[in-house]
Amino acid sequence: MKRIILAAIAVMVFGFANAQQTRFGVKGGLNLTSFAGGDYYDTKSLVGFQVGAFAEIKIIERLAIQPEVLFSTQGAKFDGGSFGDFDSKLNYINIPVLAKFYVTKQFTVEAGPQLGFLVSAKNDGRDAKDGFKSVDTGFNFGAGYNFTENVSVGLRYTVGLSNIADYDADTWEEAYDSPKNSVLALTLAYKF
């Protein structure tokens, strides 16, 4: 296993060192967020935003690695049910690392893991950071369209992989029923 990890790191370092082109950019857009998980199927979506920066590192002509740093507002709306009525608003610093494939010069698809760090959490305006874990993991799937060499739009869905509530699941059922972030984002990006 160690050899596989070392080989993967060596390939990435070699790829970055031989990258054809690296471009930097900024992006921002709208989030449509909710919680997913067995007990959270009836939560409603909240509208939020994300803003941040990225680097697009071309590995080969049609493939790039795109690390990003994003400030993202997320959460869910609870209407009735066992939890009552309230909005749960979470702010994260998310760091996705995506493999970006150019299907054509204009159209791209992307996928990759994401690590998120909780900045703040509020339930109906009251501090609730102690009720949530400080680190979140997810996986992104998305597509983009390049209008020009500098301007593009993207649509991305982030599937939450980890329990965001501050308790450890002891059984598979508890893990399934735990809340996970679910984010659909529409963004506009500008590359320098």
N, C-alpha and C. Protein backbone atom coordinates (compact mmCIF):
# COMPACT_ATOMS: atom_id res chain seq x y z
N MET A 1 0.82 -1.19 0.00
CA MET A 1 0.00 0.00 0.00
C MET A 1 0.87 1.26 0.00
N LYS A 2 1.95 1.24 0.80
CA LYS A 2 2.85 2.40 0.84
C LYS A 2 3.47 2.65 -0.52
N ARG A 3 3.80 1.58 -1.24
CA ARG A 3 4.40 1.74 -2.56
C ARG A 3 3.42 2.38 -3.54
N ILE A 4 2.16 2.01 -3.45
CA ILE A 4 1.14 2.60 -4.33
C ILE A 4 1.00 4.09 -4.05
N ILE A 5 0.95 4.44 -2.77
CA ILE A 5 0.82 5.85 -2.39
C ILE A 5 2.04 6.64 -2.85
N LEU A 6 3.24 6.09 -2.63
CA LEU A 6 4.45 6.78 -3.07
C LEU A 6 4.50 6.91 -4.59
N ALA A 7 4.06 5.87 -5.30
CA ALA A 7 4.03 5.95 -6.77
C ALA A 7 3.05 7.01 -7.24
N ALA A 8 1.88 7.10 -6.59
CA ALA A 8 0.89 8.12 -6.96
C ALA A 8 1.43 9.52 -6.71
N ILE A 9 2.11 9.71 -5.58
CA ILE A 9 2.69 11.02 -5.29
C ILE A 9 3.77 11.37 -6.32
N ALA A 10 4.61 10.38 -6.67
CA ALA A 10 5.66 10.62 -7.67
C ALA A 10 5.07 11.00 -9.02
N VAL A 11 3.99 10.34 -9.42
CA VAL A 11 3.34 10.65 -10.70
C VAL A 11 2.77 12.07 -10.66
N MET A 12 2.15 12.46 -9.53
CA MET A 12 1.59 13.80 -9.42
C MET A 12 2.69 14.86 -9.45
N VAL A 13 3.77 14.62 -8.72
CA VAL A 13 4.87 15.60 -8.71
C VAL A 13 5.47 15.73 -10.10
N PHE A 14 5.70 14.60 -10.77
CA PHE A 14 6.24 14.63 -12.13
C PHE A 14 5.28 15.36 -13.07
N GLY A 15 3.97 15.09 -12.91
CA GLY A 15 2.97 15.75 -13.75
C GLY A 15 2.95 17.25 -13.53
N PHE A 16 3.03 17.70 -12.26
CA PHE A 16 3.03 19.12 -11.97
C PHE A 16 4.31 19.78 -12.49
N ALA A 17 5.43 19.09 -12.35
CA ALA A 17 6.70 19.65 -12.81
C ALA A 17 6.72 19.79 -14.33
N ASN A 18 6.04 18.90 -15.02
CA ASN A 18 6.01 18.93 -16.48
C ASN A 18 4.71 19.52 -17.03
N ALA A 19 3.97 20.17 -16.18
CA ALA A 19 2.68 20.73 -16.62
C ALA A 19 2.89 21.70 -17.77
N GLN A 20 2.04 21.58 -18.77
CA GLN A 20 2.15 22.43 -19.96
C GLN A 20 1.83 23.88 -19.63
N GLN A 21 0.82 24.07 -18.78
CA GLN A 21 0.37 25.42 -18.52
C GLN A 21 -0.37 25.46 -17.20
N THR A 22 -0.12 26.49 -16.40
CA THR A 22 -0.86 26.70 -15.17
C THR A 22 -1.50 28.07 -15.25
N ARG A 23 -2.81 28.10 -15.00
CA ARG A 23 -3.55 29.36 -14.98
C ARG A 23 -4.27 29.48 -13.65
N PHE A 24 -4.40 30.70 -13.19
CA PHE A 24 -5.08 30.98 -11.93
C PHE A 24 -6.36 31.74 -12.23
N GLY A 25 -7.32 31.64 -11.30
CA GLY A 25 -8.57 32.34 -11.52
C GLY A 25 -9.37 32.54 -10.25
N VAL A 26 -10.47 33.24 -10.40
CA VAL A 26 -11.42 33.46 -9.32
C VAL A 26 -12.79 32.98 -9.79
N LYS A 27 -13.61 32.60 -8.83
CA LYS A 27 -14.95 32.14 -9.18
C LYS A 27 -15.93 32.46 -8.06
N GLY A 28 -17.19 32.49 -8.43
CA GLY A 28 -18.24 32.73 -7.46
C GLY A 28 -19.56 32.29 -8.04
N GLY A 29 -20.53 32.05 -7.17
CA GLY A 29 -21.83 31.63 -7.67
C GLY A 29 -22.81 31.28 -6.57
N LEU A 30 -23.91 30.67 -6.99
CA LEU A 30 -25.00 30.32 -6.09
C LEU A 30 -24.93 28.86 -5.68
N ASN A 31 -25.28 28.61 -4.41
CA ASN A 31 -25.40 27.26 -3.88
C ASN A 31 -26.86 26.97 -3.58
N LEU A 32 -27.30 25.77 -3.88
CA LEU A 32 -28.58 25.25 -3.43
C LEU A 32 -28.24 24.07 -2.54
N THR A 33 -28.43 24.23 -1.21
CA THR A 33 -27.90 23.25 -0.26
C THR A 33 -28.99 22.64 0.60
N SER A 34 -28.70 21.45 1.08
CA SER A 34 -29.59 20.74 1.99
C SER A 34 -28.77 19.71 2.75
N PHE A 35 -29.41 18.97 3.64
CA PHE A 35 -28.78 17.84 4.31
C PHE A 35 -29.34 16.57 3.70
N ALA A 36 -28.51 15.57 3.56
CA ALA A 36 -28.93 14.26 3.08
C ALA A 36 -28.68 13.26 4.21
N GLY A 37 -29.39 12.17 4.18
CA GLY A 37 -29.26 11.14 5.21
C GLY A 37 -30.63 10.65 5.58
N GLY A 38 -30.71 9.48 6.15
CA GLY A 38 -31.98 8.82 6.45
C GLY A 38 -32.98 9.66 7.20
N ASP A 39 -32.58 10.29 8.31
CA ASP A 39 -33.51 11.09 9.11
C ASP A 39 -33.68 12.51 8.59
N TYR A 40 -32.99 12.87 7.52
CA TYR A 40 -32.99 14.24 7.03
C TYR A 40 -33.59 14.35 5.63
N TYR A 41 -34.38 13.36 5.22
CA TYR A 41 -34.95 13.35 3.87
C TYR A 41 -35.95 14.47 3.65
N ASP A 42 -36.55 15.01 4.72
CA ASP A 42 -37.59 16.03 4.56
C ASP A 42 -37.08 17.46 4.75
N THR A 43 -35.76 17.67 4.80
CA THR A 43 -35.26 19.04 4.90
C THR A 43 -35.45 19.75 3.57
N LYS A 44 -35.63 21.04 3.65
CA LYS A 44 -35.79 21.88 2.46
C LYS A 44 -34.46 22.56 2.14
N SER A 45 -34.33 23.02 0.92
CA SER A 45 -33.08 23.64 0.47
C SER A 45 -32.96 25.09 0.91
N LEU A 46 -31.73 25.50 1.13
CA LEU A 46 -31.38 26.90 1.37
C LEU A 46 -30.58 27.40 0.18
N VAL A 47 -30.73 28.67 -0.13
CA VAL A 47 -29.94 29.29 -1.18
C VAL A 47 -28.78 30.02 -0.51
N GLY A 48 -27.58 29.76 -0.98
CA GLY A 48 -26.39 30.40 -0.45
C GLY A 48 -25.47 30.82 -1.58
N PHE A 49 -24.21 30.99 -1.26
CA PHE A 49 -23.25 31.39 -2.28
C PHE A 49 -21.90 30.75 -1.98
N GLN A 50 -21.01 30.82 -2.97
CA GLN A 50 -19.62 30.44 -2.79
C GLN A 50 -18.75 31.41 -3.57
N VAL A 51 -17.55 31.63 -3.06
CA VAL A 51 -16.59 32.52 -3.71
C VAL A 51 -15.19 32.03 -3.37
N GLY A 52 -14.27 32.14 -4.33
CA GLY A 52 -12.92 31.68 -4.05
C GLY A 52 -12.00 31.79 -5.24
N ALA A 53 -10.90 31.03 -5.14
CA ALA A 53 -9.86 31.06 -6.16
C ALA A 53 -9.48 29.63 -6.53
N PHE A 54 -8.85 29.50 -7.70
CA PHE A 54 -8.45 28.17 -8.17
C PHE A 54 -7.20 28.29 -9.03
N ALA A 55 -6.58 27.14 -9.25
CA ALA A 55 -5.48 27.01 -10.19
C ALA A 55 -5.84 25.87 -11.13
N GLU A 56 -5.63 26.07 -12.42
CA GLU A 56 -5.86 25.02 -13.40
C GLU A 56 -4.49 24.60 -13.94
N ILE A 57 -4.09 23.38 -13.60
CA ILE A 57 -2.76 22.89 -13.96
C ILE A 57 -2.93 21.83 -15.04
N LYS A 58 -2.59 22.20 -16.27
CA LYS A 58 -2.72 21.26 -17.39
C LYS A 58 -1.67 20.17 -17.27
N ILE A 59 -2.11 18.93 -17.32
CA ILE A 59 -1.21 17.78 -17.28
C ILE A 59 -0.89 17.34 -18.71
N ILE A 60 -1.94 17.16 -19.48
CA ILE A 60 -1.83 16.90 -20.92
C ILE A 60 -2.85 17.81 -21.59
N GLU A 61 -2.94 17.76 -22.91
CA GLU A 61 -3.79 18.70 -23.63
C GLU A 61 -5.23 18.72 -23.13
N ARG A 62 -5.81 17.57 -22.84
CA ARG A 62 -7.23 17.51 -22.47
C ARG A 62 -7.48 17.27 -20.99
N LEU A 63 -6.43 17.18 -20.18
CA LEU A 63 -6.61 16.87 -18.76
C LEU A 63 -5.88 17.89 -17.90
N ALA A 64 -6.59 18.37 -16.87
CA ALA A 64 -6.01 19.32 -15.92
C ALA A 64 -6.39 18.90 -14.51
N ILE A 65 -5.56 19.30 -13.56
CA ILE A 65 -5.87 19.17 -12.14
C ILE A 65 -6.24 20.57 -11.68
N GLN A 66 -7.36 20.67 -10.95
CA GLN A 66 -7.83 21.99 -10.52
C GLN A 66 -8.06 22.02 -9.01
N PRO A 67 -7.07 22.44 -8.23
CA PRO A 67 -7.30 22.67 -6.80
C PRO A 67 -7.98 24.02 -6.60
N GLU A 68 -8.86 24.09 -5.60
CA GLU A 68 -9.60 25.32 -5.33
C GLU A 68 -9.63 25.59 -3.83
N VAL A 69 -9.84 26.84 -3.47
CA VAL A 69 -10.13 27.24 -2.09
C VAL A 69 -11.37 28.11 -2.17
N LEU A 70 -12.45 27.65 -1.51
CA LEU A 70 -13.75 28.32 -1.63
C LEU A 70 -14.35 28.60 -0.26
N PHE A 71 -14.92 29.78 -0.09
CA PHE A 71 -15.79 30.05 1.05
C PHE A 71 -17.20 29.72 0.60
N SER A 72 -17.88 28.84 1.34
CA SER A 72 -19.18 28.34 0.89
C SER A 72 -20.20 28.40 2.03
N THR A 73 -21.38 29.00 1.74
CA THR A 73 -22.48 29.00 2.70
C THR A 73 -23.38 27.81 2.38
N GLN A 74 -23.65 27.00 3.39
CA GLN A 74 -24.41 25.77 3.20
C GLN A 74 -25.42 25.64 4.32
N GLY A 75 -26.19 24.55 4.32
CA GLY A 75 -27.15 24.31 5.39
C GLY A 75 -28.44 23.73 4.88
N ALA A 76 -29.48 23.83 5.70
CA ALA A 76 -30.78 23.27 5.35
C ALA A 76 -31.88 23.98 6.13
N LYS A 77 -33.08 23.87 5.60
CA LYS A 77 -34.27 24.45 6.25
C LYS A 77 -35.11 23.28 6.78
N PHE A 78 -35.47 23.36 8.06
CA PHE A 78 -36.31 22.35 8.68
C PHE A 78 -37.71 22.93 8.84
N ASP A 79 -38.69 22.31 8.23
CA ASP A 79 -40.09 22.74 8.34
C ASP A 79 -40.88 21.64 9.02
N GLY A 80 -41.16 21.84 10.30
CA GLY A 80 -41.95 20.85 11.03
C GLY A 80 -41.16 19.58 11.29
N GLY A 81 -41.87 18.49 11.43
CA GLY A 81 -41.21 17.21 11.68
C GLY A 81 -40.69 17.13 13.11
N SER A 82 -39.83 16.18 13.34
CA SER A 82 -39.33 15.93 14.70
C SER A 82 -38.34 17.01 15.17
N PHE A 83 -37.81 17.81 14.26
CA PHE A 83 -36.82 18.82 14.64
C PHE A 83 -37.41 20.21 14.84
N GLY A 84 -38.66 20.44 14.43
CA GLY A 84 -39.26 21.77 14.53
C GLY A 84 -38.94 22.60 13.30
N ASP A 85 -39.26 23.92 13.36
CA ASP A 85 -39.02 24.84 12.25
C ASP A 85 -37.80 25.71 12.55
N PHE A 86 -36.78 25.61 11.71
CA PHE A 86 -35.61 26.49 11.83
C PHE A 86 -34.72 26.32 10.62
N ASP A 87 -33.82 27.31 10.43
CA ASP A 87 -32.79 27.24 9.39
C ASP A 87 -31.46 26.92 10.05
N SER A 88 -30.76 25.97 9.48
CA SER A 88 -29.43 25.62 9.94
C SER A 88 -28.45 26.12 8.89
N LYS A 89 -27.66 27.14 9.24
CA LYS A 89 -26.75 27.77 8.27
C LYS A 89 -25.30 27.50 8.69
N LEU A 90 -24.55 26.88 7.77
CA LEU A 90 -23.17 26.50 8.01
C LEU A 90 -22.27 27.22 7.01
N ASN A 91 -21.14 27.71 7.47
CA ASN A 91 -20.14 28.33 6.59
C ASN A 91 -18.88 27.48 6.61
N TYR A 92 -18.38 27.17 5.41
CA TYR A 92 -17.19 26.31 5.28
C TYR A 92 -16.12 26.99 4.44
N ILE A 93 -14.88 26.62 4.69
CA ILE A 93 -13.79 26.82 3.75
C ILE A 93 -13.58 25.45 3.12
N ASN A 94 -13.93 25.31 1.85
CA ASN A 94 -13.82 24.03 1.14
C ASN A 94 -12.60 24.02 0.25
N ILE A 95 -11.95 22.86 0.20
CA ILE A 95 -10.77 22.68 -0.65
C ILE A 95 -11.00 21.45 -1.54
N PRO A 96 -11.64 21.64 -2.70
CA PRO A 96 -11.76 20.53 -3.65
C PRO A 96 -10.52 20.42 -4.52
N VAL A 97 -10.20 19.20 -4.92
CA VAL A 97 -9.13 18.95 -5.89
C VAL A 97 -9.75 18.09 -6.98
N LEU A 98 -9.87 18.67 -8.18
CA LEU A 98 -10.63 18.05 -9.25
C LEU A 98 -9.76 17.62 -10.41
N ALA A 99 -10.12 16.51 -11.01
CA ALA A 99 -9.57 16.14 -12.31
C ALA A 99 -10.55 16.71 -13.33
N LYS A 100 -10.05 17.54 -14.23
CA LYS A 100 -10.89 18.25 -15.19
C LYS A 100 -10.53 17.77 -16.60
N PHE A 101 -11.52 17.21 -17.29
CA PHE A 101 -11.29 16.66 -18.63
C PHE A 101 -11.99 17.53 -19.66
N TYR A 102 -11.24 17.95 -20.68
CA TYR A 102 -11.79 18.75 -21.77
C TYR A 102 -12.37 17.81 -22.82
N VAL A 103 -13.71 17.69 -22.85
CA VAL A 103 -14.37 16.88 -23.86
C VAL A 103 -14.18 17.55 -25.22
N THR A 104 -14.41 18.85 -25.26
CA THR A 104 -14.08 19.70 -26.40
C THR A 104 -13.35 20.90 -25.83
N LYS A 105 -12.99 21.85 -26.68
CA LYS A 105 -12.31 23.05 -26.18
C LYS A 105 -13.22 23.87 -25.26
N GLN A 106 -14.53 23.79 -25.50
CA GLN A 106 -15.48 24.56 -24.70
C GLN A 106 -16.08 23.76 -23.54
N PHE A 107 -16.33 22.48 -23.71
CA PHE A 107 -17.08 21.69 -22.73
C PHE A 107 -16.14 20.82 -21.89
N THR A 108 -16.30 20.90 -20.54
CA THR A 108 -15.48 20.13 -19.62
C THR A 108 -16.34 19.32 -18.66
N VAL A 109 -15.79 18.24 -18.16
CA VAL A 109 -16.38 17.49 -17.06
C VAL A 109 -15.31 17.37 -15.98
N GLU A 110 -15.76 17.27 -14.73
CA GLU A 110 -14.81 17.26 -13.62
C GLU A 110 -15.32 16.39 -12.48
N ALA A 111 -14.40 15.86 -11.71
CA ALA A 111 -14.74 15.06 -10.54
C ALA A 111 -13.55 15.05 -9.61
N GLY A 112 -13.83 14.95 -8.31
CA GLY A 112 -12.74 14.86 -7.35
C GLY A 112 -13.20 15.05 -5.91
N PRO A 113 -12.32 14.73 -4.97
CA PRO A 113 -12.66 14.83 -3.54
C PRO A 113 -12.61 16.27 -3.04
N GLN A 114 -13.21 16.45 -1.86
CA GLN A 114 -13.24 17.77 -1.23
C GLN A 114 -13.10 17.63 0.27
N LEU A 115 -12.35 18.53 0.86
CA LEU A 115 -12.21 18.62 2.30
C LEU A 115 -12.75 19.98 2.72
N GLY A 116 -13.61 20.00 3.73
CA GLY A 116 -14.21 21.25 4.18
C GLY A 116 -13.93 21.49 5.65
N PHE A 117 -13.70 22.76 6.00
CA PHE A 117 -13.44 23.16 7.38
C PHE A 117 -14.54 24.12 7.82
N LEU A 118 -15.25 23.75 8.88
CA LEU A 118 -16.36 24.55 9.38
C LEU A 118 -15.85 25.85 9.99
N VAL A 119 -16.40 26.97 9.51
CA VAL A 119 -16.04 28.29 10.03
C VAL A 119 -17.04 28.72 11.08
N SER A 120 -18.34 28.55 10.77
CA SER A 120 -19.38 28.93 11.72
C SER A 120 -20.64 28.12 11.43
N ALA A 121 -21.50 28.03 12.45
CA ALA A 121 -22.79 27.34 12.31
C ALA A 121 -23.81 28.05 13.17
N LYS A 122 -24.99 28.28 12.59
CA LYS A 122 -26.07 28.94 13.32
C LYS A 122 -27.38 28.22 13.04
N ASN A 123 -28.15 28.01 14.10
CA ASN A 123 -29.52 27.51 13.99
C ASN A 123 -30.45 28.65 14.39
N ASP A 124 -31.20 29.18 13.42
CA ASP A 124 -32.07 30.34 13.64
C ASP A 124 -31.32 31.50 14.29
N GLY A 125 -30.11 31.76 13.82
CA GLY A 125 -29.33 32.90 14.30
C GLY A 125 -28.55 32.64 15.57
N ARG A 126 -28.75 31.50 16.23
CA ARG A 126 -28.01 31.19 17.46
C ARG A 126 -26.81 30.31 17.12
N ASP A 127 -25.69 30.57 17.81
CA ASP A 127 -24.47 29.81 17.56
C ASP A 127 -24.72 28.32 17.81
N ALA A 128 -24.35 27.50 16.84
CA ALA A 128 -24.53 26.06 16.95
C ALA A 128 -23.29 25.30 16.52
N LYS A 129 -22.14 25.98 16.54
CA LYS A 129 -20.90 25.35 16.05
C LYS A 129 -20.54 24.10 16.85
N ASP A 130 -20.86 24.07 18.14
CA ASP A 130 -20.55 22.91 18.97
C ASP A 130 -21.35 21.67 18.56
N GLY A 131 -22.43 21.87 17.81
CA GLY A 131 -23.26 20.75 17.38
C GLY A 131 -22.81 20.10 16.08
N PHE A 132 -21.74 20.65 15.46
CA PHE A 132 -21.28 20.14 14.17
C PHE A 132 -19.79 19.82 14.21
N LYS A 133 -19.39 18.85 13.41
CA LYS A 133 -17.97 18.50 13.32
C LYS A 133 -17.22 19.58 12.57
N SER A 134 -15.96 19.75 12.91
CA SER A 134 -15.16 20.83 12.32
C SER A 134 -14.64 20.49 10.93
N VAL A 135 -14.67 19.22 10.53
CA VAL A 135 -14.17 18.80 9.21
C VAL A 135 -15.25 18.01 8.49
N ASP A 136 -15.39 18.28 7.21
CA ASP A 136 -16.37 17.60 6.35
C ASP A 136 -15.64 17.05 5.13
N THR A 137 -16.10 15.93 4.62
CA THR A 137 -15.55 15.37 3.38
C THR A 137 -16.68 15.20 2.38
N GLY A 138 -16.34 15.31 1.11
CA GLY A 138 -17.33 15.15 0.06
C GLY A 138 -16.67 14.76 -1.25
N PHE A 139 -17.50 14.50 -2.24
CA PHE A 139 -17.01 14.18 -3.57
C PHE A 139 -17.81 15.01 -4.57
N ASN A 140 -17.12 15.60 -5.55
CA ASN A 140 -17.72 16.50 -6.53
C ASN A 140 -17.84 15.85 -7.90
N PHE A 141 -18.96 16.15 -8.56
CA PHE A 141 -19.18 15.81 -9.97
C PHE A 141 -19.65 17.08 -10.65
N GLY A 142 -19.14 17.38 -11.83
CA GLY A 142 -19.59 18.61 -12.46
C GLY A 142 -19.27 18.68 -13.93
N ALA A 143 -19.76 19.77 -14.51
CA ALA A 143 -19.52 20.06 -15.92
C ALA A 143 -19.37 21.57 -16.07
N GLY A 144 -18.67 21.96 -17.13
CA GLY A 144 -18.46 23.38 -17.35
C GLY A 144 -18.48 23.72 -18.83
N TYR A 145 -18.67 25.01 -19.09
CA TYR A 145 -18.64 25.50 -20.46
C TYR A 145 -17.78 26.75 -20.51
N ASN A 146 -16.79 26.77 -21.40
CA ASN A 146 -15.89 27.91 -21.56
C ASN A 146 -16.41 28.81 -22.69
N PHE A 147 -16.86 30.00 -22.33
CA PHE A 147 -17.31 30.96 -23.34
C PHE A 147 -16.13 31.52 -24.12
N THR A 148 -15.04 31.82 -23.39
CA THR A 148 -13.80 32.30 -23.98
C THR A 148 -12.67 31.57 -23.26
N GLU A 149 -11.44 31.93 -23.55
CA GLU A 149 -10.30 31.35 -22.84
C GLU A 149 -10.29 31.77 -21.37
N ASN A 150 -10.98 32.86 -21.06
CA ASN A 150 -10.94 33.39 -19.70
C ASN A 150 -12.23 33.20 -18.91
N VAL A 151 -13.38 33.16 -19.56
CA VAL A 151 -14.68 33.15 -18.88
C VAL A 151 -15.37 31.81 -19.07
N SER A 152 -15.85 31.24 -17.94
CA SER A 152 -16.55 29.96 -18.01
C SER A 152 -17.64 29.90 -16.95
N VAL A 153 -18.59 28.99 -17.15
CA VAL A 153 -19.61 28.69 -16.16
C VAL A 153 -19.49 27.22 -15.80
N GLY A 154 -19.93 26.89 -14.59
CA GLY A 154 -19.87 25.51 -14.15
C GLY A 154 -21.08 25.14 -13.33
N LEU A 155 -21.44 23.87 -13.41
CA LEU A 155 -22.51 23.29 -12.59
C LEU A 155 -21.90 22.09 -11.89
N ARG A 156 -21.97 22.08 -10.56
CA ARG A 156 -21.31 21.03 -9.78
C ARG A 156 -22.23 20.55 -8.67
N TYR A 157 -22.20 19.23 -8.43
CA TYR A 157 -22.92 18.65 -7.29
C TYR A 157 -21.91 18.03 -6.35
N THR A 158 -22.01 18.38 -5.08
CA THR A 158 -21.13 17.83 -4.05
C THR A 158 -21.94 16.89 -3.17
N VAL A 159 -21.52 15.64 -3.15
CA VAL A 159 -22.13 14.61 -2.31
C VAL A 159 -21.36 14.57 -1.00
N GLY A 160 -22.05 14.80 0.11
CA GLY A 160 -21.40 14.69 1.41
C GLY A 160 -21.10 13.24 1.74
N LEU A 161 -19.90 12.98 2.22
CA LEU A 161 -19.51 11.61 2.56
C LEU A 161 -19.45 11.36 4.06
N SER A 162 -19.31 12.41 4.85
CA SER A 162 -19.15 12.20 6.28
C SER A 162 -20.28 12.83 7.08
N ASN A 163 -20.49 12.30 8.27
CA ASN A 163 -21.46 12.81 9.23
C ASN A 163 -21.00 14.20 9.67
N ILE A 164 -21.86 15.20 9.52
CA ILE A 164 -21.47 16.55 9.93
C ILE A 164 -21.92 16.89 11.35
N ALA A 165 -22.84 16.10 11.92
CA ALA A 165 -23.28 16.33 13.30
C ALA A 165 -22.20 15.86 14.25
N ASP A 166 -22.08 16.54 15.39
CA ASP A 166 -21.00 16.23 16.32
C ASP A 166 -21.36 15.04 17.21
N TYR A 167 -21.49 13.88 16.59
CA TYR A 167 -21.60 12.62 17.32
C TYR A 167 -21.04 11.53 16.41
N ASP A 168 -20.52 10.49 17.02
CA ASP A 168 -19.97 9.38 16.27
C ASP A 168 -21.01 8.28 16.15
N ALA A 169 -21.22 7.82 14.93
CA ALA A 169 -22.18 6.75 14.67
C ALA A 169 -21.56 5.42 15.09
N ASP A 170 -22.28 4.67 15.93
CA ASP A 170 -21.79 3.38 16.40
C ASP A 170 -22.19 2.23 15.49
N THR A 171 -23.27 2.41 14.76
CA THR A 171 -23.75 1.34 13.88
C THR A 171 -23.90 1.87 12.46
N TRP A 172 -24.06 0.95 11.52
CA TRP A 172 -24.26 1.34 10.13
C TRP A 172 -25.53 2.16 9.98
N GLU A 173 -26.59 1.80 10.72
CA GLU A 173 -27.86 2.53 10.64
C GLU A 173 -27.71 3.97 11.12
N GLU A 174 -26.94 4.17 12.20
CA GLU A 174 -26.70 5.53 12.68
C GLU A 174 -25.89 6.33 11.66
N ALA A 175 -24.92 5.69 11.03
CA ALA A 175 -24.13 6.37 10.01
C ALA A 175 -25.00 6.75 8.82
N TYR A 176 -25.90 5.86 8.42
CA TYR A 176 -26.81 6.15 7.31
C TYR A 176 -27.75 7.30 7.65
N ASP A 177 -28.24 7.33 8.87
CA ASP A 177 -29.20 8.34 9.30
C ASP A 177 -28.56 9.68 9.66
N SER A 178 -27.24 9.75 9.72
CA SER A 178 -26.57 10.99 10.10
C SER A 178 -26.65 12.01 8.96
N PRO A 179 -26.64 13.31 9.30
CA PRO A 179 -26.73 14.34 8.26
C PRO A 179 -25.42 14.48 7.48
N LYS A 180 -25.56 14.69 6.18
CA LYS A 180 -24.42 14.92 5.29
C LYS A 180 -24.76 16.11 4.40
N ASN A 181 -23.77 16.91 4.07
CA ASN A 181 -24.00 18.06 3.19
C ASN A 181 -24.34 17.61 1.78
N SER A 182 -25.24 18.33 1.16
CA SER A 182 -25.62 18.12 -0.24
C SER A 182 -25.67 19.49 -0.89
N VAL A 183 -24.80 19.72 -1.90
CA VAL A 183 -24.66 21.06 -2.47
C VAL A 183 -24.70 21.01 -3.99
N LEU A 184 -25.58 21.79 -4.59
CA LEU A 184 -25.61 22.00 -6.03
C LEU A 184 -25.19 23.45 -6.26
N ALA A 185 -24.14 23.63 -7.06
CA ALA A 185 -23.58 24.98 -7.25
C ALA A 185 -23.53 25.36 -8.71
N LEU A 186 -23.91 26.60 -9.01
CA LEU A 186 -23.79 27.19 -10.33
C LEU A 186 -22.83 28.36 -10.20
N THR A 187 -21.69 28.31 -10.92
CA THR A 187 -20.64 29.30 -10.72
C THR A 187 -20.21 29.96 -12.03
N LEU A 188 -19.66 31.15 -11.91
CA LEU A 188 -19.04 31.88 -12.99
C LEU A 188 -17.57 32.05 -12.62
N ALA A 189 -16.67 31.72 -13.56
CA ALA A 189 -15.23 31.77 -13.27
C ALA A 189 -14.51 32.65 -14.28
N TYR A 190 -13.43 33.27 -13.81
CA TYR A 190 -12.56 34.07 -14.69
C TYR A 190 -11.13 33.62 -14.48
N LYS A 191 -10.46 33.20 -15.56
CA LYS A 191 -9.05 32.78 -15.52
C LYS A 191 -8.17 33.91 -16.02
N PHE A 192 -7.06 34.13 -15.34
CA PHE A 192 -6.11 35.18 -15.71
C PHE A 192 -5.14 34.65 -16.76
